[in-house]
N, C-alpha and C. Protein backbone atom coordinates (compact mmCIF):
# COMPACT_ATOMS: atom_id res chain seq x y z
N MET A 1 161.82 125.81 40.42
CA MET A 1 160.81 125.53 39.39
C MET A 1 159.48 125.22 40.07
N PRO A 2 158.37 125.66 39.46
CA PRO A 2 157.05 125.35 40.07
C PRO A 2 156.77 123.87 39.99
N SER A 3 156.10 123.40 40.96
CA SER A 3 155.75 121.98 41.00
C SER A 3 154.70 121.69 39.95
N THR A 4 154.83 120.55 39.33
CA THR A 4 153.82 120.11 38.36
C THR A 4 152.68 119.44 39.09
N LEU A 5 151.58 119.25 38.35
CA LEU A 5 150.41 118.62 38.96
C LEU A 5 150.71 117.20 39.37
N THR A 6 151.60 116.55 38.61
CA THR A 6 151.91 115.15 38.94
C THR A 6 152.71 115.03 40.20
N ASP A 7 153.36 116.13 40.63
CA ASP A 7 154.16 116.08 41.86
C ASP A 7 153.31 116.27 43.10
N LYS A 8 152.09 116.75 42.89
CA LYS A 8 151.24 117.02 44.04
C LYS A 8 150.57 115.74 44.50
N LYS A 9 150.44 115.60 45.79
CA LYS A 9 149.77 114.44 46.36
C LYS A 9 148.35 114.81 46.76
N LEU A 10 147.47 113.89 46.51
CA LEU A 10 146.09 114.12 46.92
C LEU A 10 146.01 114.14 48.44
N LYS A 11 145.25 115.06 48.92
CA LYS A 11 145.06 115.14 50.36
C LYS A 11 144.16 114.00 50.81
N LYS A 12 144.65 113.22 51.75
CA LYS A 12 143.85 112.09 52.24
C LYS A 12 142.68 112.61 53.08
N PRO A 13 141.56 111.92 53.02
CA PRO A 13 140.41 112.35 53.83
C PRO A 13 140.71 112.22 55.30
N ARG A 14 140.20 113.17 56.06
CA ARG A 14 140.41 113.11 57.51
C ARG A 14 139.73 111.89 58.10
N GLU A 15 140.22 111.45 59.24
CA GLU A 15 139.68 110.25 59.88
C GLU A 15 138.22 110.42 60.22
N GLU A 16 137.84 111.66 60.64
CA GLU A 16 136.45 111.87 61.01
C GLU A 16 135.53 111.87 59.81
N ASP A 17 136.08 112.09 58.60
CA ASP A 17 135.26 112.09 57.40
C ASP A 17 134.84 110.70 56.98
N ARG A 18 135.38 109.69 57.65
CA ARG A 18 134.99 108.33 57.33
C ARG A 18 133.74 107.91 58.07
N GLY A 19 133.27 108.73 58.97
CA GLY A 19 132.09 108.39 59.75
C GLY A 19 130.82 108.57 58.96
N ARG A 20 129.70 108.50 59.66
CA ARG A 20 128.40 108.56 59.02
C ARG A 20 128.02 110.01 58.75
N GLY A 21 127.47 110.22 57.55
CA GLY A 21 126.90 111.52 57.24
C GLY A 21 127.88 112.59 56.84
N ASN A 22 129.20 112.26 56.60
CA ASN A 22 130.18 113.26 56.25
C ASN A 22 130.61 113.18 54.79
N PHE A 23 129.87 112.44 53.98
CA PHE A 23 130.31 112.19 52.63
C PHE A 23 130.30 113.47 51.78
N ASN A 24 129.37 114.37 52.06
CA ASN A 24 129.28 115.59 51.27
C ASN A 24 130.39 116.58 51.59
N GLU A 25 131.11 116.38 52.70
CA GLU A 25 132.13 117.32 53.12
C GLU A 25 133.49 116.99 52.52
N LEU A 26 133.61 115.90 51.80
CA LEU A 26 134.90 115.50 51.27
C LEU A 26 135.27 116.34 50.07
N PRO A 27 136.58 116.49 49.78
CA PRO A 27 137.01 117.29 48.64
C PRO A 27 136.64 116.64 47.33
N PRO A 28 136.65 117.40 46.23
CA PRO A 28 136.31 116.83 44.93
C PRO A 28 137.24 115.66 44.59
N GLY A 29 136.67 114.69 43.90
CA GLY A 29 137.46 113.52 43.55
C GLY A 29 137.39 112.42 44.57
N TYR A 30 136.67 112.68 45.69
CA TYR A 30 136.52 111.67 46.73
C TYR A 30 135.05 111.43 47.01
N GLY A 31 134.24 111.34 45.99
CA GLY A 31 132.81 111.16 46.15
C GLY A 31 132.47 109.86 46.85
N GLY A 32 131.34 109.83 47.58
CA GLY A 32 130.98 108.67 48.37
C GLY A 32 130.18 107.63 47.64
N ASP A 33 129.98 107.76 46.34
CA ASP A 33 129.15 106.80 45.61
C ASP A 33 129.95 106.06 44.56
N GLY A 34 131.17 105.73 44.88
CA GLY A 34 131.95 104.94 43.96
C GLY A 34 132.70 105.79 42.95
N ASP A 35 132.80 107.14 43.16
CA ASP A 35 133.48 108.00 42.21
C ASP A 35 134.83 108.45 42.74
N GLY A 36 135.43 107.66 43.61
CA GLY A 36 136.80 107.94 44.02
C GLY A 36 136.95 108.54 45.38
N LYS A 37 136.10 108.24 46.32
CA LYS A 37 136.24 108.80 47.67
C LYS A 37 137.58 108.39 48.28
N TYR A 38 137.96 107.16 48.08
CA TYR A 38 139.25 106.67 48.50
C TYR A 38 140.00 106.18 47.28
N PRO A 39 141.29 105.98 47.37
CA PRO A 39 142.02 105.47 46.22
C PRO A 39 141.38 104.20 45.69
N PRO A 40 141.45 103.97 44.37
CA PRO A 40 140.74 102.84 43.76
C PRO A 40 141.03 101.50 44.39
N GLU A 41 142.27 101.27 44.85
CA GLU A 41 142.58 99.97 45.41
C GLU A 41 141.88 99.71 46.73
N ARG A 42 141.35 100.76 47.38
CA ARG A 42 140.67 100.59 48.66
C ARG A 42 139.16 100.60 48.50
N THR A 43 138.67 100.79 47.30
CA THR A 43 137.23 100.87 47.07
C THR A 43 136.71 99.55 46.52
N PRO A 44 135.94 98.78 47.29
CA PRO A 44 135.45 97.49 46.81
C PRO A 44 134.41 97.70 45.72
N PRO A 45 134.48 96.92 44.64
CA PRO A 45 133.49 97.08 43.56
C PRO A 45 132.12 96.62 44.00
N PRO A 46 131.07 97.42 43.80
CA PRO A 46 129.71 97.01 44.18
C PRO A 46 129.28 95.73 43.49
N GLU A 47 129.80 95.49 42.27
CA GLU A 47 129.41 94.28 41.55
C GLU A 47 129.81 93.03 42.32
N GLY A 48 130.90 93.10 43.07
CA GLY A 48 131.34 91.93 43.84
C GLY A 48 130.35 91.55 44.91
N TYR A 49 129.76 92.54 45.59
CA TYR A 49 128.75 92.26 46.60
C TYR A 49 127.51 91.62 45.97
N ARG A 50 127.08 92.22 44.85
CA ARG A 50 125.88 91.68 44.20
C ARG A 50 126.11 90.27 43.67
N MET A 51 127.28 90.05 43.08
CA MET A 51 127.59 88.72 42.57
C MET A 51 127.64 87.71 43.69
N GLY A 52 128.24 88.09 44.81
CA GLY A 52 128.33 87.18 45.95
C GLY A 52 126.97 86.80 46.50
N ILE A 53 126.08 87.78 46.64
CA ILE A 53 124.77 87.47 47.22
C ILE A 53 123.94 86.64 46.25
N TRP A 54 124.06 86.90 44.94
CA TRP A 54 123.28 86.12 43.98
C TRP A 54 123.78 84.68 43.91
N LEU A 55 125.08 84.47 44.05
CA LEU A 55 125.61 83.11 44.09
C LEU A 55 125.11 82.37 45.33
N ALA A 56 125.08 83.09 46.47
CA ALA A 56 124.58 82.48 47.70
C ALA A 56 123.11 82.11 47.56
N LEU A 57 122.33 83.00 46.98
CA LEU A 57 120.90 82.72 46.79
C LEU A 57 120.68 81.56 45.82
N ALA A 58 121.54 81.47 44.82
CA ALA A 58 121.41 80.35 43.88
C ALA A 58 121.65 79.02 44.57
N SER A 59 122.64 78.97 45.48
CA SER A 59 122.92 77.72 46.18
C SER A 59 121.79 77.36 47.14
N VAL A 60 121.24 78.36 47.82
CA VAL A 60 120.10 78.10 48.72
C VAL A 60 118.89 77.63 47.93
N SER A 61 118.66 78.25 46.78
CA SER A 61 117.51 77.86 45.94
C SER A 61 117.65 76.42 45.46
N MET A 62 118.86 76.03 45.08
CA MET A 62 119.08 74.66 44.62
C MET A 62 118.79 73.66 45.73
N MET A 63 119.18 74.00 46.95
CA MET A 63 118.93 73.11 48.07
C MET A 63 117.43 72.93 48.32
N PHE A 64 116.68 74.05 48.30
CA PHE A 64 115.25 73.95 48.54
C PHE A 64 114.52 73.31 47.36
N LEU A 65 115.03 73.49 46.16
CA LEU A 65 114.42 72.83 45.00
C LEU A 65 114.63 71.32 45.08
N ALA A 66 115.79 70.89 45.58
CA ALA A 66 116.03 69.46 45.75
C ALA A 66 115.07 68.88 46.79
N LEU A 67 114.87 69.61 47.88
CA LEU A 67 113.91 69.16 48.89
C LEU A 67 112.49 69.14 48.33
N THR A 68 112.17 70.15 47.53
CA THR A 68 110.84 70.20 46.93
C THR A 68 110.61 69.00 46.01
N SER A 69 111.62 68.64 45.25
CA SER A 69 111.48 67.48 44.36
C SER A 69 111.18 66.22 45.15
N ALA A 70 111.91 66.03 46.25
CA ALA A 70 111.66 64.86 47.09
C ALA A 70 110.26 64.90 47.71
N TYR A 71 109.85 66.10 48.10
CA TYR A 71 108.53 66.25 48.72
C TYR A 71 107.41 65.98 47.72
N VAL A 72 107.53 66.56 46.53
CA VAL A 72 106.50 66.38 45.51
C VAL A 72 106.42 64.91 45.09
N PHE A 73 107.55 64.25 45.01
CA PHE A 73 107.58 62.84 44.61
C PHE A 73 106.79 61.97 45.59
N ASN A 74 106.81 62.36 46.88
CA ASN A 74 106.11 61.58 47.90
C ASN A 74 104.77 62.17 48.30
N SER A 75 104.38 63.28 47.70
CA SER A 75 103.19 63.99 48.17
C SER A 75 101.90 63.19 47.98
N ALA A 76 101.87 62.30 47.00
CA ALA A 76 100.64 61.54 46.75
C ALA A 76 100.33 60.58 47.90
N HIS A 77 101.33 60.24 48.67
CA HIS A 77 101.14 59.27 49.75
C HIS A 77 101.26 59.91 51.14
N LEU A 78 101.23 61.23 51.19
CA LEU A 78 101.41 61.91 52.47
C LEU A 78 100.05 62.30 53.06
N PRO A 79 99.85 62.02 54.34
CA PRO A 79 98.62 62.46 55.01
C PRO A 79 98.64 63.98 55.19
N PRO A 80 97.49 64.62 55.27
CA PRO A 80 97.46 66.09 55.44
C PRO A 80 98.07 66.51 56.77
N LEU A 81 98.61 67.71 56.76
CA LEU A 81 99.24 68.27 57.96
C LEU A 81 98.42 69.46 58.43
N GLU A 82 98.10 69.48 59.71
CA GLU A 82 97.30 70.58 60.25
C GLU A 82 98.09 71.88 60.21
N PHE A 83 97.47 72.92 59.69
CA PHE A 83 98.14 74.22 59.55
C PHE A 83 98.20 74.93 60.89
N PRO A 84 99.40 75.20 61.41
CA PRO A 84 99.50 75.94 62.69
C PRO A 84 99.03 77.39 62.51
N SER A 85 98.11 77.81 63.32
CA SER A 85 97.56 79.16 63.16
C SER A 85 98.63 80.24 63.36
N ILE A 86 99.67 79.94 64.11
CA ILE A 86 100.72 80.93 64.36
C ILE A 86 101.47 81.26 63.08
N PHE A 87 101.38 80.38 62.06
CA PHE A 87 102.03 80.66 60.78
C PHE A 87 101.44 81.90 60.12
N ILE A 88 100.20 82.20 60.40
CA ILE A 88 99.59 83.41 59.86
C ILE A 88 100.29 84.64 60.43
N VAL A 89 100.56 84.60 61.73
CA VAL A 89 101.25 85.70 62.39
C VAL A 89 102.67 85.85 61.85
N SER A 90 103.38 84.72 61.74
CA SER A 90 104.76 84.78 61.28
C SER A 90 104.84 85.28 59.83
N THR A 91 103.82 84.96 59.04
CA THR A 91 103.81 85.43 57.65
C THR A 91 103.67 86.95 57.59
N PHE A 92 102.77 87.50 58.39
CA PHE A 92 102.63 88.95 58.45
C PHE A 92 103.92 89.61 58.95
N ILE A 93 104.58 88.96 59.90
CA ILE A 93 105.82 89.52 60.46
C ILE A 93 106.91 89.60 59.40
N VAL A 94 107.09 88.51 58.65
CA VAL A 94 108.19 88.49 57.69
C VAL A 94 107.91 89.43 56.52
N ILE A 95 106.64 89.57 56.12
CA ILE A 95 106.30 90.52 55.06
C ILE A 95 106.54 91.95 55.55
N ALA A 96 106.16 92.23 56.79
CA ALA A 96 106.39 93.57 57.36
C ALA A 96 107.88 93.87 57.45
N SER A 97 108.68 92.87 57.83
CA SER A 97 110.12 93.08 57.93
C SER A 97 110.73 93.38 56.58
N SER A 98 110.22 92.74 55.53
CA SER A 98 110.72 93.01 54.19
C SER A 98 110.41 94.45 53.77
N ALA A 99 109.23 94.93 54.15
CA ALA A 99 108.89 96.32 53.85
C ALA A 99 109.78 97.28 54.63
N CYS A 100 110.08 96.94 55.87
CA CYS A 100 110.90 97.81 56.72
C CYS A 100 112.33 97.92 56.20
N ILE A 101 112.90 96.81 55.77
CA ILE A 101 114.28 96.87 55.28
C ILE A 101 114.37 97.65 53.98
N GLU A 102 113.30 97.61 53.20
CA GLU A 102 113.29 98.40 51.97
C GLU A 102 113.20 99.89 52.29
N ILE A 103 112.42 100.24 53.31
CA ILE A 103 112.37 101.64 53.74
C ILE A 103 113.74 102.10 54.23
N ALA A 104 114.40 101.24 55.00
CA ALA A 104 115.74 101.57 55.50
C ALA A 104 116.72 101.74 54.35
N ARG A 105 116.68 100.86 53.38
CA ARG A 105 117.60 100.95 52.25
C ARG A 105 117.40 102.26 51.49
N ARG A 106 116.16 102.63 51.23
CA ARG A 106 115.89 103.87 50.50
C ARG A 106 116.23 105.10 51.34
N SER A 107 116.09 104.97 52.65
CA SER A 107 116.46 106.09 53.52
C SER A 107 117.96 106.33 53.47
N LEU A 108 118.74 105.26 53.40
CA LEU A 108 120.19 105.42 53.29
C LEU A 108 120.57 106.09 51.98
N ARG A 109 119.91 105.71 50.90
CA ARG A 109 120.19 106.35 49.61
C ARG A 109 119.83 107.83 49.64
N GLY A 110 118.83 108.19 50.44
CA GLY A 110 118.45 109.59 50.58
C GLY A 110 119.24 110.31 51.65
N ARG A 111 120.26 109.62 52.23
CA ARG A 111 121.14 110.19 53.26
C ARG A 111 120.37 110.63 54.50
N ARG A 112 119.30 109.90 54.82
CA ARG A 112 118.54 110.17 56.05
C ARG A 112 118.97 109.13 57.08
N GLU A 113 120.01 109.47 57.82
CA GLU A 113 120.69 108.52 58.70
C GLU A 113 119.79 108.00 59.81
N HIS A 114 119.11 108.89 60.50
CA HIS A 114 118.28 108.48 61.64
C HIS A 114 117.14 107.57 61.17
N ARG A 115 116.56 107.92 60.04
CA ARG A 115 115.49 107.09 59.49
C ARG A 115 116.02 105.72 59.09
N PHE A 116 117.21 105.68 58.52
CA PHE A 116 117.82 104.41 58.14
C PHE A 116 118.05 103.53 59.37
N GLU A 117 118.64 104.09 60.41
CA GLU A 117 118.94 103.32 61.62
C GLU A 117 117.65 102.82 62.28
N LEU A 118 116.63 103.67 62.31
CA LEU A 118 115.37 103.29 62.93
C LEU A 118 114.76 102.07 62.24
N TRP A 119 114.61 102.13 60.93
CA TRP A 119 113.96 101.03 60.21
C TRP A 119 114.84 99.80 60.11
N TRP A 120 116.15 100.00 60.15
CA TRP A 120 117.06 98.84 60.17
C TRP A 120 116.89 98.07 61.48
N LYS A 121 116.78 98.81 62.58
CA LYS A 121 116.58 98.15 63.89
C LYS A 121 115.20 97.50 63.98
N VAL A 122 114.21 98.14 63.38
CA VAL A 122 112.87 97.54 63.36
C VAL A 122 112.90 96.21 62.61
N THR A 123 113.64 96.17 61.51
CA THR A 123 113.77 94.93 60.74
C THR A 123 114.41 93.83 61.59
N MET A 124 115.44 94.18 62.33
CA MET A 124 116.08 93.18 63.20
C MET A 124 115.10 92.68 64.26
N GLY A 125 114.33 93.59 64.83
CA GLY A 125 113.35 93.19 65.84
C GLY A 125 112.29 92.27 65.27
N LEU A 126 111.82 92.58 64.07
CA LEU A 126 110.81 91.73 63.42
C LEU A 126 111.40 90.36 63.06
N GLY A 127 112.67 90.34 62.68
CA GLY A 127 113.30 89.06 62.39
C GLY A 127 113.36 88.16 63.61
N ILE A 128 113.70 88.75 64.75
CA ILE A 128 113.71 87.98 66.00
C ILE A 128 112.30 87.52 66.36
N SER A 129 111.32 88.40 66.14
CA SER A 129 109.92 88.03 66.42
C SER A 129 109.48 86.87 65.54
N PHE A 130 109.94 86.85 64.30
CA PHE A 130 109.59 85.76 63.40
C PHE A 130 110.14 84.43 63.93
N LEU A 131 111.37 84.44 64.42
CA LEU A 131 111.95 83.21 64.97
C LEU A 131 111.17 82.74 66.19
N VAL A 132 110.74 83.68 67.02
CA VAL A 132 109.94 83.31 68.20
C VAL A 132 108.62 82.69 67.75
N ALA A 133 108.01 83.28 66.72
CA ALA A 133 106.75 82.73 66.20
C ALA A 133 106.97 81.33 65.64
N GLN A 134 108.11 81.09 65.01
CA GLN A 134 108.40 79.77 64.48
C GLN A 134 108.51 78.73 65.59
N MET A 135 109.14 79.11 66.68
CA MET A 135 109.24 78.19 67.82
C MET A 135 107.85 77.86 68.36
N CYS A 136 106.99 78.87 68.42
CA CYS A 136 105.62 78.62 68.88
C CYS A 136 104.88 77.69 67.92
N ALA A 137 105.13 77.84 66.62
CA ALA A 137 104.50 76.97 65.64
C ALA A 137 104.97 75.52 65.80
N TRP A 138 106.24 75.32 66.06
CA TRP A 138 106.75 73.97 66.27
C TRP A 138 106.12 73.33 67.51
N PHE A 139 105.99 74.12 68.57
CA PHE A 139 105.34 73.63 69.78
C PHE A 139 103.88 73.27 69.49
N GLN A 140 103.23 74.08 68.65
CA GLN A 140 101.83 73.81 68.29
C GLN A 140 101.73 72.50 67.50
N LEU A 141 102.67 72.26 66.61
CA LEU A 141 102.69 71.00 65.87
C LEU A 141 102.86 69.82 66.81
N VAL A 142 103.73 69.97 67.79
CA VAL A 142 103.96 68.89 68.76
C VAL A 142 102.71 68.63 69.58
N ARG A 143 102.03 69.71 70.00
CA ARG A 143 100.81 69.53 70.78
C ARG A 143 99.73 68.81 69.96
N ASN A 144 99.76 69.02 68.65
CA ASN A 144 98.77 68.36 67.78
C ASN A 144 99.20 66.95 67.38
N GLY A 145 100.32 66.49 67.93
CA GLY A 145 100.76 65.12 67.66
C GLY A 145 101.62 64.95 66.43
N PHE A 146 102.13 66.06 65.88
CA PHE A 146 103.00 65.97 64.70
C PHE A 146 104.45 66.18 65.13
N TYR A 147 105.20 65.08 65.14
CA TYR A 147 106.61 65.13 65.48
C TYR A 147 107.44 64.98 64.20
N VAL A 148 108.74 65.11 64.32
CA VAL A 148 109.59 64.99 63.14
C VAL A 148 109.42 63.62 62.49
N ASN A 149 109.30 62.58 63.32
CA ASN A 149 109.21 61.21 62.81
C ASN A 149 107.79 60.65 62.79
N THR A 150 106.77 61.53 62.92
CA THR A 150 105.39 61.04 62.88
C THR A 150 105.07 60.46 61.50
N ASN A 151 105.33 61.21 60.47
CA ASN A 151 105.19 60.75 59.09
C ASN A 151 106.08 61.63 58.22
N ARG A 152 106.12 61.31 56.93
CA ARG A 152 107.01 62.05 56.04
C ARG A 152 106.55 63.50 55.84
N HIS A 153 105.24 63.74 55.93
CA HIS A 153 104.75 65.11 55.77
C HIS A 153 105.24 66.00 56.92
N SER A 154 105.08 65.52 58.13
CA SER A 154 105.55 66.30 59.27
C SER A 154 107.07 66.44 59.24
N GLY A 155 107.75 65.38 58.78
CA GLY A 155 109.21 65.47 58.67
C GLY A 155 109.63 66.55 57.70
N PHE A 156 108.98 66.60 56.53
CA PHE A 156 109.30 67.64 55.56
C PHE A 156 108.96 69.03 56.12
N ALA A 157 107.87 69.13 56.86
CA ALA A 157 107.47 70.42 57.43
C ALA A 157 108.56 70.95 58.36
N TYR A 158 109.09 70.09 59.21
CA TYR A 158 110.15 70.52 60.12
C TYR A 158 111.42 70.86 59.35
N ILE A 159 111.76 70.06 58.34
CA ILE A 159 112.99 70.31 57.58
C ILE A 159 112.91 71.65 56.86
N PHE A 160 111.80 71.90 56.17
CA PHE A 160 111.64 73.16 55.45
C PHE A 160 111.70 74.36 56.39
N THR A 161 110.91 74.30 57.45
CA THR A 161 110.81 75.48 58.33
C THR A 161 112.08 75.70 59.16
N VAL A 162 112.73 74.62 59.58
CA VAL A 162 113.96 74.78 60.34
C VAL A 162 115.07 75.35 59.47
N LEU A 163 115.21 74.83 58.24
CA LEU A 163 116.23 75.36 57.34
C LEU A 163 115.99 76.83 57.03
N HIS A 164 114.72 77.20 56.86
CA HIS A 164 114.41 78.61 56.61
C HIS A 164 114.77 79.44 57.83
N ALA A 165 114.48 78.94 59.03
CA ALA A 165 114.80 79.67 60.25
C ALA A 165 116.31 79.85 60.41
N VAL A 166 117.08 78.84 60.04
CA VAL A 166 118.55 78.93 60.12
C VAL A 166 119.06 80.02 59.18
N HIS A 167 118.54 80.04 57.97
CA HIS A 167 118.97 81.07 57.02
C HIS A 167 118.51 82.46 57.47
N LEU A 168 117.34 82.54 58.09
CA LEU A 168 116.88 83.84 58.58
C LEU A 168 117.74 84.29 59.77
N LEU A 169 118.19 83.34 60.57
CA LEU A 169 119.10 83.69 61.66
C LEU A 169 120.40 84.27 61.10
N GLY A 170 120.86 83.68 59.98
CA GLY A 170 122.02 84.27 59.31
C GLY A 170 121.73 85.67 58.81
N GLY A 171 120.50 85.91 58.35
CA GLY A 171 120.12 87.25 57.92
C GLY A 171 120.14 88.25 59.06
N ILE A 172 119.70 87.81 60.24
CA ILE A 172 119.74 88.69 61.42
C ILE A 172 121.18 89.02 61.79
N ALA A 173 122.05 88.02 61.67
CA ALA A 173 123.48 88.26 61.94
C ALA A 173 124.04 89.28 60.95
N ALA A 174 123.64 89.18 59.68
CA ALA A 174 124.09 90.15 58.68
C ALA A 174 123.56 91.54 58.98
N LEU A 175 122.30 91.63 59.39
CA LEU A 175 121.72 92.92 59.77
C LEU A 175 122.49 93.56 60.93
N SER A 176 122.81 92.75 61.92
CA SER A 176 123.55 93.25 63.09
C SER A 176 124.95 93.70 62.70
N PHE A 177 125.60 92.93 61.84
CA PHE A 177 126.97 93.26 61.40
C PHE A 177 126.98 94.58 60.66
N VAL A 178 126.05 94.75 59.71
CA VAL A 178 125.98 95.99 58.94
C VAL A 178 125.68 97.17 59.85
N TYR A 179 124.78 96.97 60.80
CA TYR A 179 124.42 98.06 61.71
C TYR A 179 125.61 98.50 62.55
N LEU A 180 126.34 97.54 63.11
CA LEU A 180 127.48 97.88 63.97
C LEU A 180 128.58 98.56 63.17
N LYS A 181 128.86 98.07 61.98
CA LYS A 181 129.90 98.70 61.15
C LYS A 181 129.48 100.11 60.75
N SER A 182 128.20 100.31 60.50
CA SER A 182 127.72 101.64 60.14
C SER A 182 127.83 102.60 61.32
N ARG A 183 127.48 102.12 62.51
CA ARG A 183 127.55 102.96 63.71
C ARG A 183 128.97 103.42 64.00
N ARG A 184 129.92 102.55 63.72
CA ARG A 184 131.32 102.89 64.02
C ARG A 184 131.98 103.68 62.90
N GLY A 185 131.28 103.82 61.77
CA GLY A 185 131.84 104.60 60.67
C GLY A 185 133.09 103.99 60.07
N LEU A 186 133.14 102.66 59.98
CA LEU A 186 134.34 101.98 59.50
C LEU A 186 134.32 101.68 58.01
N TRP A 187 133.24 102.04 57.33
CA TRP A 187 133.10 101.73 55.91
C TRP A 187 133.09 102.99 55.08
N THR A 188 133.55 102.87 53.84
CA THR A 188 133.33 103.94 52.88
C THR A 188 131.85 103.94 52.49
N ALA A 189 131.41 105.01 51.88
CA ALA A 189 129.99 105.11 51.53
C ALA A 189 129.58 104.04 50.54
N VAL A 190 130.45 103.77 49.54
CA VAL A 190 130.07 102.80 48.52
C VAL A 190 130.02 101.39 49.11
N ARG A 191 130.95 101.09 50.01
CA ARG A 191 130.94 99.76 50.63
C ARG A 191 129.73 99.61 51.55
N ARG A 192 129.39 100.64 52.24
CA ARG A 192 128.24 100.59 53.14
C ARG A 192 126.95 100.39 52.35
N ARG A 193 126.79 101.16 51.29
CA ARG A 193 125.57 101.04 50.48
C ARG A 193 125.49 99.67 49.83
N SER A 194 126.60 99.16 49.33
CA SER A 194 126.59 97.84 48.69
C SER A 194 126.23 96.75 49.70
N SER A 195 126.74 96.87 50.92
CA SER A 195 126.41 95.89 51.95
C SER A 195 124.94 95.94 52.33
N VAL A 196 124.40 97.14 52.43
CA VAL A 196 122.97 97.29 52.75
C VAL A 196 122.11 96.71 51.63
N ASP A 197 122.48 96.99 50.38
CA ASP A 197 121.72 96.46 49.25
C ASP A 197 121.76 94.93 49.22
N ALA A 198 122.94 94.36 49.45
CA ALA A 198 123.07 92.91 49.42
C ALA A 198 122.25 92.26 50.54
N THR A 199 122.28 92.86 51.73
CA THR A 199 121.50 92.32 52.85
C THR A 199 120.01 92.42 52.57
N ALA A 200 119.59 93.53 51.97
CA ALA A 200 118.16 93.70 51.64
C ALA A 200 117.71 92.66 50.62
N ILE A 201 118.55 92.40 49.61
CA ILE A 201 118.20 91.38 48.61
C ILE A 201 118.03 90.03 49.27
N TYR A 202 118.96 89.70 50.16
CA TYR A 202 118.88 88.41 50.86
C TYR A 202 117.61 88.32 51.71
N TRP A 203 117.26 89.41 52.37
CA TRP A 203 116.07 89.42 53.24
C TRP A 203 114.79 89.28 52.42
N HIS A 204 114.72 89.97 51.29
CA HIS A 204 113.55 89.83 50.42
C HIS A 204 113.43 88.39 49.91
N PHE A 205 114.56 87.78 49.63
CA PHE A 205 114.55 86.39 49.18
C PHE A 205 113.97 85.47 50.25
N LEU A 206 114.35 85.70 51.51
CA LEU A 206 113.82 84.88 52.60
C LEU A 206 112.31 85.06 52.75
N THR A 207 111.82 86.27 52.52
CA THR A 207 110.38 86.49 52.58
C THR A 207 109.66 85.69 51.50
N GLY A 208 110.17 85.77 50.28
CA GLY A 208 109.56 84.99 49.20
C GLY A 208 109.68 83.50 49.44
N LEU A 209 110.82 83.07 50.00
CA LEU A 209 111.02 81.65 50.28
C LEU A 209 110.01 81.14 51.31
N TRP A 210 109.70 81.96 52.30
CA TRP A 210 108.74 81.54 53.33
C TRP A 210 107.35 81.34 52.73
N ILE A 211 106.92 82.25 51.87
CA ILE A 211 105.62 82.10 51.23
C ILE A 211 105.62 80.85 50.34
N TYR A 212 106.72 80.61 49.67
CA TYR A 212 106.85 79.40 48.84
C TYR A 212 106.72 78.13 49.68
N ILE A 213 107.34 78.13 50.85
CA ILE A 213 107.28 76.95 51.73
C ILE A 213 105.85 76.69 52.19
N LEU A 214 105.13 77.75 52.55
CA LEU A 214 103.74 77.58 52.97
C LEU A 214 102.89 77.00 51.85
N LEU A 215 103.09 77.49 50.64
CA LEU A 215 102.32 76.99 49.51
C LEU A 215 102.62 75.52 49.25
N ILE A 216 103.87 75.16 49.35
CA ILE A 216 104.26 73.77 49.09
C ILE A 216 103.72 72.83 50.17
N LEU A 217 103.83 73.22 51.42
CA LEU A 217 103.46 72.33 52.52
C LEU A 217 101.95 72.21 52.72
N PHE A 218 101.23 73.31 52.53
CA PHE A 218 99.83 73.31 52.95
C PHE A 218 98.83 73.53 51.80
N ILE A 219 99.31 73.92 50.63
CA ILE A 219 98.41 74.11 49.49
C ILE A 219 98.55 72.96 48.50
N TRP A 220 99.77 72.50 48.32
CA TRP A 220 100.02 71.45 47.33
C TRP A 220 99.24 70.18 47.59
N THR A 221 99.09 69.83 48.88
CA THR A 221 98.45 68.55 49.22
C THR A 221 96.94 68.66 49.35
N LEU A 222 96.37 69.84 49.13
CA LEU A 222 94.92 69.98 49.25
C LEU A 222 94.21 69.27 48.10
């Protein structure tokens, strides 16, 4: 008797088809954008990545809002803090990095692999440059006589900027992780795209958070 369709097994994708740039070569029914490239149980839902990153951003926002409340409550009695000129450089760096990661994200959606890798690496380099600029800013504050325990204004300045640097360091770790997994071709297309989108959202949030910190520390008390 002829075999029925239910008796036939789907041909599994070849191992090499899991690498970068081979999504268009897969047979029908195994699309790389969440339409069944791998069996459903192996395909992570994109909504889970987005939900996870938004929950993480909500917790970070609550922490900085709590610090802001304490800062604003004491701002009437805080002496002015000298603005480190290096903060201008670091601000341009973080804004540029946000633009670069967006270019990388859109390049991946357009299946331009080399362009994606290039701008993703540029983003990582700018992130490291931002941390170096932050260290220079802290040294500049020390040279100007502002230590962590000099007054409450300088204390808040160090707390805000150090916490932001720690979260940005986590962002660099996420960038590196996504890049290495992409290079090794260990992800499905939908999982890779979802991870890139989630990392980009987090990075854009850090850019906005940095501008918010500058406004709170150096504009609020004017």
